[in-house]
Amino acid sequence: MARARAAFLDRDGVLIRTDVRGGRPHPVATVAELELLPGVVEACGILRGAGLRLLCVTNQPDIARGVTTGAAVDEQNEWLASTLRLDAVLVCPHDDADACSCRKPLPGLLVRGAEQFGIDLGRSVMVGDRWRDIEAGRAAGCHTVFIDNRYDERQPVSPDLTVRSLLEATPWMLEAVDPQRPEPREHR
């Protein structure tokens, strides 16, 4: 039986608007502040309609830093999952100092999602707006899409595609995960 294909989607800056301060993105604090980015509902509908699993994979280090609570992040993610009909929202609540395997740029969240939903990582795409997302996708063996929000920070090295929105990336993503295409190139 063929394994499922997936779109692994970062949360802040890909699905929802972030609070950009000093050129760097910061998550919003409450459900009331959540604002879907333009075209996200349409893009998710197209991807789901093409048979892809939709998994949000998000670093939320403000939980470890004591800036927010796990319950507040869970409430935001439940709203997001319900609104966009996501299969799952997988969260890393750790900071870099915790040295966990789930914090992007490590691929732990993607690997966990692949195991849980029977996903073929080589026929899936990781979409993110930061270098950590692209590195996690590469490490997992996925195609990678960088949403360039023009943050004033380190940029990813050689994503497979760079665009300005999830909707803009959607046609390319469908082609990249097409089961009739040859095996994707190996990421290193």
Protein backbone atom coordinates (compact mmCIF):
# COMPACT_ATOMS: atom_id res chain seq x y z
CA MET A 1 0.00 0.00 0.00
CA ALA A 2 1.29 3.46 -0.92
CA ARG A 3 2.31 5.68 1.95
CA ALA A 4 0.60 9.05 2.34
CA ARG A 5 2.02 12.32 1.08
CA ALA A 6 2.04 15.38 3.30
CA ALA A 7 2.48 19.10 3.48
CA PHE A 8 4.36 19.87 6.69
CA LEU A 9 3.51 23.49 7.42
CA ASP A 10 5.21 25.81 9.85
CA ARG A 11 2.69 27.85 11.82
CA ASP A 12 3.85 31.43 12.39
CA GLY A 13 4.63 33.22 9.12
CA VAL A 14 3.27 30.42 6.92
CA LEU A 15 -0.29 29.88 8.16
CA ILE A 16 -0.78 32.86 10.45
CA ARG A 17 0.55 36.40 10.62
CA THR A 18 3.43 36.97 13.02
CA ASP A 19 4.31 39.99 15.04
CA VAL A 20 7.52 41.28 13.40
CA ARG A 21 9.64 43.40 15.71
CA GLY A 22 13.14 44.56 14.82
CA GLY A 23 12.98 42.48 11.64
CA ARG A 24 12.36 39.24 13.56
CA PRO A 25 9.11 37.27 13.86
CA HIS A 26 7.39 36.66 17.19
CA PRO A 27 4.25 34.55 17.80
CA VAL A 28 1.00 36.17 18.82
CA ALA A 29 -0.13 35.62 22.39
CA THR A 30 -3.84 34.75 22.18
CA VAL A 31 -6.43 33.10 19.97
CA ALA A 32 -8.04 36.52 19.47
CA GLU A 33 -4.81 37.70 17.81
CA LEU A 34 -4.63 34.81 15.32
CA GLU A 35 -4.96 36.01 11.73
CA LEU A 36 -4.73 33.60 8.82
CA LEU A 37 -2.47 34.81 6.04
CA PRO A 38 -4.06 35.58 2.65
CA GLY A 39 -4.65 32.48 0.53
CA VAL A 40 -4.01 29.96 3.33
CA VAL A 41 -7.57 28.61 3.44
CA GLU A 42 -7.58 28.16 -0.35
CA ALA A 43 -4.10 26.58 -0.40
CA CYS A 44 -4.97 24.10 2.36
CA GLY A 45 -8.17 23.17 0.52
CA ILE A 46 -6.27 22.52 -2.71
CA LEU A 47 -3.60 20.43 -0.98
CA ARG A 48 -6.16 18.43 1.02
CA GLY A 49 -8.24 17.94 -2.15
CA ALA A 50 -5.17 16.48 -3.86
CA GLY A 51 -4.90 13.88 -1.10
CA LEU A 52 -2.10 15.37 1.00
CA ARG A 53 -2.11 15.14 4.77
CA LEU A 54 -1.76 18.58 6.37
CA LEU A 55 0.47 18.67 9.44
CA CYS A 56 1.51 21.85 11.16
CA VAL A 57 4.96 21.51 12.77
CA THR A 58 5.88 24.40 15.02
CA ASN A 59 8.61 25.43 17.43
CA GLN A 60 7.08 27.26 20.40
CA PRO A 61 10.07 28.04 22.64
CA ASP A 62 8.14 30.73 24.51
CA ILE A 63 6.60 27.85 26.50
CA ALA A 64 10.05 26.84 27.81
CA ARG A 65 10.96 30.50 28.32
CA GLY A 66 7.89 31.08 30.49
CA VAL A 67 6.49 33.76 28.16
CA THR A 68 3.35 31.74 27.45
CA THR A 69 1.76 28.51 28.64
CA GLY A 70 1.28 25.20 26.89
CA ALA A 71 -2.46 25.63 27.42
CA ALA A 72 -2.47 28.98 25.57
CA VAL A 73 -0.54 27.49 22.65
CA ASP A 74 -2.84 24.43 22.63
CA GLU A 75 -5.88 26.71 22.44
CA GLN A 76 -4.38 28.56 19.45
CA ASN A 77 -3.47 25.30 17.73
CA GLU A 78 -6.92 23.78 18.28
CA TRP A 79 -8.49 26.82 16.60
CA LEU A 80 -6.01 26.57 13.74
CA ALA A 81 -6.51 22.81 13.27
CA SER A 82 -10.29 23.19 13.28
CA THR A 83 -10.34 26.22 10.96
CA LEU A 84 -7.96 24.73 8.38
CA ARG A 85 -8.97 21.07 8.89
CA LEU A 86 -5.39 20.07 9.69
CA ASP A 87 -4.62 16.43 10.44
CA ALA A 88 -2.42 17.45 13.36
CA VAL A 89 -0.46 20.26 14.97
CA LEU A 90 2.84 18.97 16.34
CA VAL A 91 4.59 21.28 18.79
CA CYS A 92 8.11 21.50 20.13
CA PRO A 93 7.78 23.41 23.44
CA HIS A 94 11.54 23.50 24.03
CA ASP A 95 14.28 26.11 23.67
CA ASP A 96 17.70 25.48 22.08
CA ALA A 97 19.27 24.86 25.49
CA ASP A 98 16.96 21.86 26.03
CA ALA A 99 18.79 19.94 23.26
CA CYS A 100 15.69 17.99 22.26
CA SER A 101 15.26 16.11 18.98
CA CYS A 102 11.95 17.79 18.12
CA ARG A 103 13.16 21.38 17.81
CA LYS A 104 13.67 22.41 14.22
CA PRO A 105 16.22 22.39 12.53
CA LEU A 106 16.22 18.77 13.72
CA PRO A 107 13.63 16.62 11.94
CA GLY A 108 11.96 15.08 15.02
CA LEU A 109 8.52 16.63 14.53
CA LEU A 110 8.42 15.57 10.86
CA VAL A 111 9.59 12.05 11.68
CA ARG A 112 6.97 11.79 14.44
CA GLY A 113 4.25 12.95 12.03
CA ALA A 114 5.43 10.51 9.37
CA GLU A 115 5.30 7.60 11.82
CA GLN A 116 1.90 8.61 13.19
CA PHE A 117 0.24 9.08 9.79
CA GLY A 118 2.15 6.64 7.55
CA ILE A 119 3.76 9.42 5.51
CA ASP A 120 6.39 9.01 2.80
CA LEU A 121 8.81 11.82 3.67
CA GLY A 122 10.42 11.70 0.21
CA ARG A 123 7.04 12.47 -1.35
CA SER A 124 6.26 15.28 1.07
CA VAL A 125 7.06 18.98 1.39
CA MET A 126 8.15 21.10 4.34
CA VAL A 127 7.03 24.73 4.07
CA GLY A 128 8.58 27.31 6.36
CA ASP A 129 9.60 30.92 6.72
CA ARG A 130 12.88 30.43 8.58
CA TRP A 131 16.14 28.58 7.97
CA ARG A 132 15.28 26.09 10.76
CA ASP A 133 12.22 24.91 8.83
CA ILE A 134 14.16 24.32 5.63
CA GLU A 135 16.94 22.45 7.43
CA ALA A 136 14.39 20.24 9.23
CA GLY A 137 12.71 19.42 5.92
CA ARG A 138 16.03 18.57 4.34
CA ALA A 139 17.10 16.41 7.28
CA ALA A 140 13.82 14.49 6.99
CA GLY A 141 14.27 13.98 3.23
CA CYS A 142 11.38 16.24 2.18
CA HIS A 143 11.15 18.79 -0.59
CA THR A 144 11.46 22.29 0.86
CA VAL A 145 9.63 25.57 0.28
CA PHE A 146 10.82 28.82 1.81
CA ILE A 147 8.23 31.55 2.33
CA ASP A 148 10.38 34.67 2.19
CA ASN A 149 8.90 37.15 4.63
CA ARG A 150 12.11 39.19 4.43
CA TYR A 151 13.06 38.87 8.07
CA ASP A 152 16.33 40.42 9.18
CA GLU A 153 17.98 37.12 10.13
CA ARG A 154 19.88 34.15 8.75
CA GLN A 155 18.42 32.92 5.46
CA PRO A 156 18.10 29.25 4.46
CA VAL A 157 20.59 27.70 2.07
CA SER A 158 19.16 26.41 -1.23
CA PRO A 159 15.51 25.63 -0.53
CA ASP A 160 13.87 23.83 -3.46
CA LEU A 161 11.51 26.78 -3.98
CA THR A 162 11.31 30.34 -2.63
CA VAL A 163 7.98 32.17 -2.76
CA ARG A 164 6.02 34.84 -0.90
CA SER A 165 2.98 32.75 0.15
CA LEU A 166 1.66 29.24 0.66
CA LEU A 167 -0.85 29.74 -2.14
CA GLU A 168 1.93 30.73 -4.54
CA ALA A 169 3.78 27.52 -3.67
CA THR A 170 0.79 25.19 -4.06
CA PRO A 171 1.09 24.29 -7.79
CA TRP A 172 4.79 23.48 -7.38
CA MET A 173 4.08 21.42 -4.25
CA LEU A 174 1.51 19.30 -6.06
CA GLU A 175 3.97 18.60 -8.84
CA ALA A 176 6.80 17.83 -6.40
CA VAL A 177 4.81 15.16 -4.53
CA ASP A 178 3.17 13.62 -7.61
CA PRO A 179 3.47 9.83 -7.22
CA GLN A 180 4.10 9.51 -10.98
CA ARG A 181 7.30 11.58 -10.81
CA PRO A 182 10.70 9.94 -10.38
CA GLU A 183 12.12 9.71 -6.88
CA PRO A 184 13.16 13.13 -5.51
CA ARG A 185 16.81 14.03 -5.26
CA GLU A 186 18.46 13.18 -1.99
CA HIS A 187 18.94 16.09 0.43
CA ARG A 188 22.12 16.38 2.43
